[in-house]
Amino acid sequence: MRSVIQRVTRASVDTDCGKHSEIGPGLLLLLGIEESDDNSDSEWLAAKIARLRIFNDTNGVMNLSVMETGGDIMVISQFTLHALTKKGNRPSYIMAARPETAIPLYNNFVSTISGILGKSVATGEFGAMMQVELVNDGPVTIIIDTKEKE
């Protein structure tokens, strides 16, 4: 499981039906799921992100987590995070999980991080064409992969 984590002042996602969800200051998470991922990956990643100290304290030092700031979180599924690009110019998505694997893991991730924060989490629409808008704060962008746990 791989996530691109972006600290934002605001973010929103639209689908063909219009505005789907939006958040204020917090984190926009792009979440890619591999076929080999399981619930332990989603639970580890949710806990890691919720406790990641990437928000400024009163001294301007990145020393606070989204939990401590009370920030919002938006989770967008993005299978393209597992693109293989070694051969040719057309990415292969063979490592990305199929919907029957990805949807339950995506839902488990959202439920887990929501439980840790003690509040609901905004989401996109799994499998839909989405337009994501964000204002990256900092900019702060971090990538975490559960295959490279530290």
C-alpha atoms as a PDB file:
ATOM      1  CA  MET A   1       0.000   0.000   0.000  1.00  0.00           C
ATOM      2  CA  ARG A   2       1.375   3.352  -1.007  1.00  0.00           C
ATOM      3  CA  SER A   3       0.252   6.854  -0.089  1.00  0.00           C
ATOM      4  CA  VAL A   4       1.206  10.293  -1.290  1.00  0.00           C
ATOM      5  CA  ILE A   5       0.538  12.584   1.665  1.00  0.00           C
ATOM      6  CA  GLN A   6       0.068  16.280   1.022  1.00  0.00           C
ATOM      7  CA  ARG A   7      -0.374  18.894   3.723  1.00  0.00           C
ATOM      8  CA  VAL A   8      -3.099  21.222   2.462  1.00  0.00           C
ATOM      9  CA  THR A   9      -4.888  24.391   3.438  1.00  0.00           C
ATOM     10  CA  ARG A  10      -7.896  23.049   1.535  1.00  0.00           C
ATOM     11  CA  ALA A  11      -8.830  20.290  -0.900  1.00  0.00           C
ATOM     12  CA  SER A  12     -11.895  19.184  -2.811  1.00  0.00           C
ATOM     13  CA  VAL A  13     -12.919  16.439  -5.191  1.00  0.00           C
ATOM     14  CA  ASP A  14     -15.513  16.606  -7.946  1.00  0.00           C
ATOM     15  CA  THR A  15     -17.074  13.750  -9.907  1.00  0.00           C
ATOM     16  CA  ASP A  16     -19.422  13.817 -12.884  1.00  0.00           C
ATOM     17  CA  CYS A  17     -22.214  14.572 -10.379  1.00  0.00           C
ATOM     18  CA  GLY A  18     -20.461  17.713  -9.078  1.00  0.00           C
ATOM     19  CA  LYS A  19     -18.751  18.442  -5.755  1.00  0.00           C
ATOM     20  CA  HIS A  20     -18.250  15.143  -3.916  1.00  0.00           C
ATOM     21  CA  SER A  21     -16.398  16.336  -0.802  1.00  0.00           C
ATOM     22  CA  GLU A  22     -14.082  19.015   0.525  1.00  0.00           C
ATOM     23  CA  ILE A  23     -11.860  19.692   3.515  1.00  0.00           C
ATOM     24  CA  GLY A  24     -10.124  22.608   5.186  1.00  0.00           C
ATOM     25  CA  PRO A  25      -6.599  22.489   6.617  1.00  0.00           C
ATOM     26  CA  GLY A  26      -5.253  18.960   6.964  1.00  0.00           C
ATOM     27  CA  LEU A  27      -4.044  16.148   4.725  1.00  0.00           C
ATOM     28  CA  LEU A  28      -4.945  14.993   1.240  1.00  0.00           C
ATOM     29  CA  LEU A  29      -4.021  11.321   0.878  1.00  0.00           C
ATOM     30  CA  LEU A  30      -3.689   9.600  -2.483  1.00  0.00           C
ATOM     31  CA  LEU A  31      -3.905   5.873  -1.736  1.00  0.00           C
ATOM     32  CA  GLY A  32      -2.693   3.089  -4.019  1.00  0.00           C
ATOM     33  CA  ILE A  33      -3.384  -0.539  -3.133  1.00  0.00           C
ATOM     34  CA  GLU A  34      -1.452  -3.569  -4.398  1.00  0.00           C
ATOM     35  CA  GLU A  35      -2.902  -7.047  -4.836  1.00  0.00           C
ATOM     36  CA  SER A  36      -0.559  -8.327  -2.079  1.00  0.00           C
ATOM     37  CA  ASP A  37      -1.775  -5.777   0.521  1.00  0.00           C
ATOM     38  CA  ASP A  38      -3.957  -6.787   3.460  1.00  0.00           C
ATOM     39  CA  ASN A  39      -5.683  -5.235   6.503  1.00  0.00           C
ATOM     40  CA  SER A  40      -2.418  -5.080   8.439  1.00  0.00           C
ATOM     41  CA  ASP A  41      -1.006  -2.781   5.739  1.00  0.00           C
ATOM     42  CA  SER A  42      -4.006  -0.443   5.852  1.00  0.00           C
ATOM     43  CA  GLU A  43      -4.012  -0.339   9.665  1.00  0.00           C
ATOM     44  CA  TRP A  44      -0.258   0.316   9.904  1.00  0.00           C
ATOM     45  CA  LEU A  45      -0.411   3.045   7.255  1.00  0.00           C
ATOM     46  CA  ALA A  46      -3.451   4.749   8.821  1.00  0.00           C
ATOM     47  CA  ALA A  47      -1.735   4.877  12.220  1.00  0.00           C
ATOM     48  CA  LYS A  48       1.537   6.110  10.706  1.00  0.00           C
ATOM     49  CA  ILE A  49      -0.149   8.929   8.796  1.00  0.00           C
ATOM     50  CA  ALA A  50      -2.379  10.018  11.694  1.00  0.00           C
ATOM     51  CA  ARG A  51       0.709  10.397  13.909  1.00  0.00           C
ATOM     52  CA  LEU A  52       3.049  11.874  11.277  1.00  0.00           C
ATOM     53  CA  ARG A  53       4.436  15.126  12.682  1.00  0.00           C
ATOM     54  CA  ILE A  54       4.316  17.438   9.671  1.00  0.00           C
ATOM     55  CA  PHE A  55       2.370  20.421  11.013  1.00  0.00           C
ATOM     56  CA  ASN A  56       4.058  23.458  12.509  1.00  0.00           C
ATOM     57  CA  ASP A  57       4.075  24.099  16.246  1.00  0.00           C
ATOM     58  CA  THR A  58       4.114  27.608  17.740  1.00  0.00           C
ATOM     59  CA  ASN A  59       7.839  27.856  16.904  1.00  0.00           C
ATOM     60  CA  GLY A  60       7.275  27.073  13.230  1.00  0.00           C
ATOM     61  CA  VAL A  61       8.808  23.607  13.528  1.00  0.00           C
ATOM     62  CA  MET A  62       7.075  20.583  11.979  1.00  0.00           C
ATOM     63  CA  ASN A  63       6.351  18.904  15.282  1.00  0.00           C
ATOM     64  CA  LEU A  64       2.579  18.267  15.345  1.00  0.00           C
ATOM     65  CA  SER A  65       0.393  15.555  13.808  1.00  0.00           C
ATOM     66  CA  VAL A  66      -2.970  15.967  12.125  1.00  0.00           C
ATOM     67  CA  MET A  67      -4.439  14.431  15.291  1.00  0.00           C
ATOM     68  CA  GLU A  68      -2.919  17.177  17.428  1.00  0.00           C
ATOM     69  CA  THR A  69      -4.004  20.001  15.116  1.00  0.00           C
ATOM     70  CA  GLY A  70      -7.539  18.693  14.638  1.00  0.00           C
ATOM     71  CA  GLY A  71      -7.030  18.856  10.881  1.00  0.00           C
ATOM     72  CA  ASP A  72      -9.170  17.158   8.267  1.00  0.00           C
ATOM     73  CA  ILE A  73      -8.260  14.243   6.033  1.00  0.00           C
ATOM     74  CA  MET A  74      -9.391  13.389   2.522  1.00  0.00           C
ATOM     75  CA  VAL A  75      -8.586   9.963   1.042  1.00  0.00           C
ATOM     76  CA  ILE A  76      -8.581   9.468  -2.729  1.00  0.00           C
ATOM     77  CA  SER A  77      -8.043   6.016  -4.264  1.00  0.00           C
ATOM     78  CA  GLN A  78      -5.387   6.095  -6.976  1.00  0.00           C
ATOM     79  CA  PHE A  79      -4.301   2.843  -8.607  1.00  0.00           C
ATOM     80  CA  THR A  80      -1.775   4.719 -10.775  1.00  0.00           C
ATOM     81  CA  LEU A  81       0.538   5.005  -7.755  1.00  0.00           C
ATOM     82  CA  HIS A  82       1.568   1.423  -8.581  1.00  0.00           C
ATOM     83  CA  ALA A  83       2.458   2.106 -12.214  1.00  0.00           C
ATOM     84  CA  LEU A  84       5.446   0.195 -13.539  1.00  0.00           C
ATOM     85  CA  THR A  85       7.440   2.307 -15.978  1.00  0.00           C
ATOM     86  CA  LYS A  86      10.666   0.361 -16.601  1.00  0.00           C
ATOM     87  CA  LYS A  87       9.739  -0.898 -20.061  1.00  0.00           C
ATOM     88  CA  GLY A  88       8.572   1.370 -22.829  1.00  0.00           C
ATOM     89  CA  ASN A  89       6.494   4.486 -22.415  1.00  0.00           C
ATOM     90  CA  ARG A  90       3.133   3.019 -21.500  1.00  0.00           C
ATOM     91  CA  PRO A  91       2.815   2.361 -17.742  1.00  0.00           C
ATOM     92  CA  SER A  92       1.694  -1.060 -16.600  1.00  0.00           C
ATOM     93  CA  TYR A  93      -0.747  -1.310 -13.697  1.00  0.00           C
ATOM     94  CA  ILE A  94      -0.389  -5.043 -13.114  1.00  0.00           C
ATOM     95  CA  MET A  95       0.695  -4.462  -9.484  1.00  0.00           C
ATOM     96  CA  ALA A  96      -2.459  -2.485  -8.636  1.00  0.00           C
ATOM     97  CA  ALA A  97      -5.142  -4.440  -6.807  1.00  0.00           C
ATOM     98  CA  ARG A  98      -8.349  -5.410  -8.548  1.00  0.00           C
ATOM     99  CA  PRO A  99     -11.530  -3.789  -7.181  1.00  0.00           C
ATOM    100  CA  GLU A 100     -12.574  -6.914  -5.253  1.00  0.00           C
ATOM    101  CA  THR A 101      -9.345  -6.621  -3.236  1.00  0.00           C
ATOM    102  CA  ALA A 102      -8.891  -2.847  -3.286  1.00  0.00           C
ATOM    103  CA  ILE A 103     -12.367  -1.696  -2.230  1.00  0.00           C
ATOM    104  CA  PRO A 104     -12.450  -3.552   1.127  1.00  0.00           C
ATOM    105  CA  LEU A 105      -8.884  -2.417   1.906  1.00  0.00           C
ATOM    106  CA  TYR A 106      -9.687   1.174   0.950  1.00  0.00           C
ATOM    107  CA  ASN A 107     -12.765   1.070   3.189  1.00  0.00           C
ATOM    108  CA  ASN A 108     -10.731  -0.477   6.016  1.00  0.00           C
ATOM    109  CA  PHE A 109      -8.117   2.274   5.689  1.00  0.00           C
ATOM    110  CA  VAL A 110     -10.761   5.022   5.758  1.00  0.00           C
ATOM    111  CA  SER A 111     -12.511   3.422   8.739  1.00  0.00           C
ATOM    112  CA  THR A 112      -9.243   2.931  10.636  1.00  0.00           C
ATOM    113  CA  ILE A 113      -7.945   6.478  10.167  1.00  0.00           C
ATOM    114  CA  SER A 114     -11.393   7.873  10.980  1.00  0.00           C
ATOM    115  CA  GLY A 115     -11.429   5.861  14.211  1.00  0.00           C
ATOM    116  CA  ILE A 116      -7.955   7.072  15.163  1.00  0.00           C
ATOM    117  CA  LEU A 117      -8.936  10.709  14.550  1.00  0.00           C
ATOM    118  CA  GLY A 118     -12.349  10.316  16.187  1.00  0.00           C
ATOM    119  CA  LYS A 119     -14.095  12.024  13.273  1.00  0.00           C
ATOM    120  CA  SER A 120     -15.247  11.326   9.756  1.00  0.00           C
ATOM    121  CA  VAL A 121     -12.861  11.427   6.842  1.00  0.00           C
ATOM    122  CA  ALA A 122     -13.695  12.854   3.416  1.00  0.00           C
ATOM    123  CA  THR A 123     -13.324  10.526   0.448  1.00  0.00           C
ATOM    124  CA  GLY A 124     -13.465  10.439  -3.295  1.00  0.00           C
ATOM    125  CA  GLU A 125     -15.554   7.936  -5.223  1.00  0.00           C
ATOM    126  CA  PHE A 126     -13.730   4.659  -5.734  1.00  0.00           C
ATOM    127  CA  GLY A 127     -13.200   3.899  -9.418  1.00  0.00           C
ATOM    128  CA  ALA A 128     -14.734   7.141 -10.652  1.00  0.00           C
ATOM    129  CA  MET A 129     -13.109   9.766 -12.811  1.00  0.00           C
ATOM    130  CA  MET A 130     -12.374  12.573 -10.338  1.00  0.00           C
ATOM    131  CA  GLN A 131     -10.991  16.067 -10.429  1.00  0.00           C
ATOM    132  CA  VAL A 132      -8.993  16.768  -7.285  1.00  0.00           C
ATOM    133  CA  GLU A 133      -8.146  20.334  -6.357  1.00  0.00           C
ATOM    134  CA  LEU A 134      -5.782  21.246  -3.542  1.00  0.00           C
ATOM    135  CA  VAL A 135      -3.647  23.975  -2.109  1.00  0.00           C
ATOM    136  CA  ASN A 136      -0.453  22.300  -0.937  1.00  0.00           C
ATOM    137  CA  ASP A 137       0.709  23.961   2.280  1.00  0.00           C
ATOM    138  CA  GLY A 138       4.472  24.366   2.530  1.00  0.00           C
ATOM    139  CA  PRO A 139       4.642  22.593   0.133  1.00  0.00           C
ATOM    140  CA  VAL A 140       4.809  19.405   2.177  1.00  0.00           C
ATOM    141  CA  THR A 141       4.513  16.135   0.242  1.00  0.00           C
ATOM    142  CA  ILE A 142       5.592  12.762   1.625  1.00  0.00           C
ATOM    143  CA  ILE A 143       5.385   9.240   0.189  1.00  0.00           C
ATOM    144  CA  ILE A 144       4.999   6.190   2.431  1.00  0.00           C
ATOM    145  CA  ASP A 145       4.949   2.591   1.198  1.00  0.00           C
ATOM    146  CA  THR A 146       4.040  -0.271   3.529  1.00  0.00           C
ATOM    147  CA  LYS A 147       6.559  -2.472   1.694  1.00  0.00           C
ATOM    148  CA  GLU A 148       9.269  -0.209   3.115  1.00  0.00           C
ATOM    149  CA  LYS A 149       8.234   0.018   6.760  1.00  0.00           C
ATOM    150  CA  GLU A 150      10.801   1.778   8.864  1.00  0.00           C
END
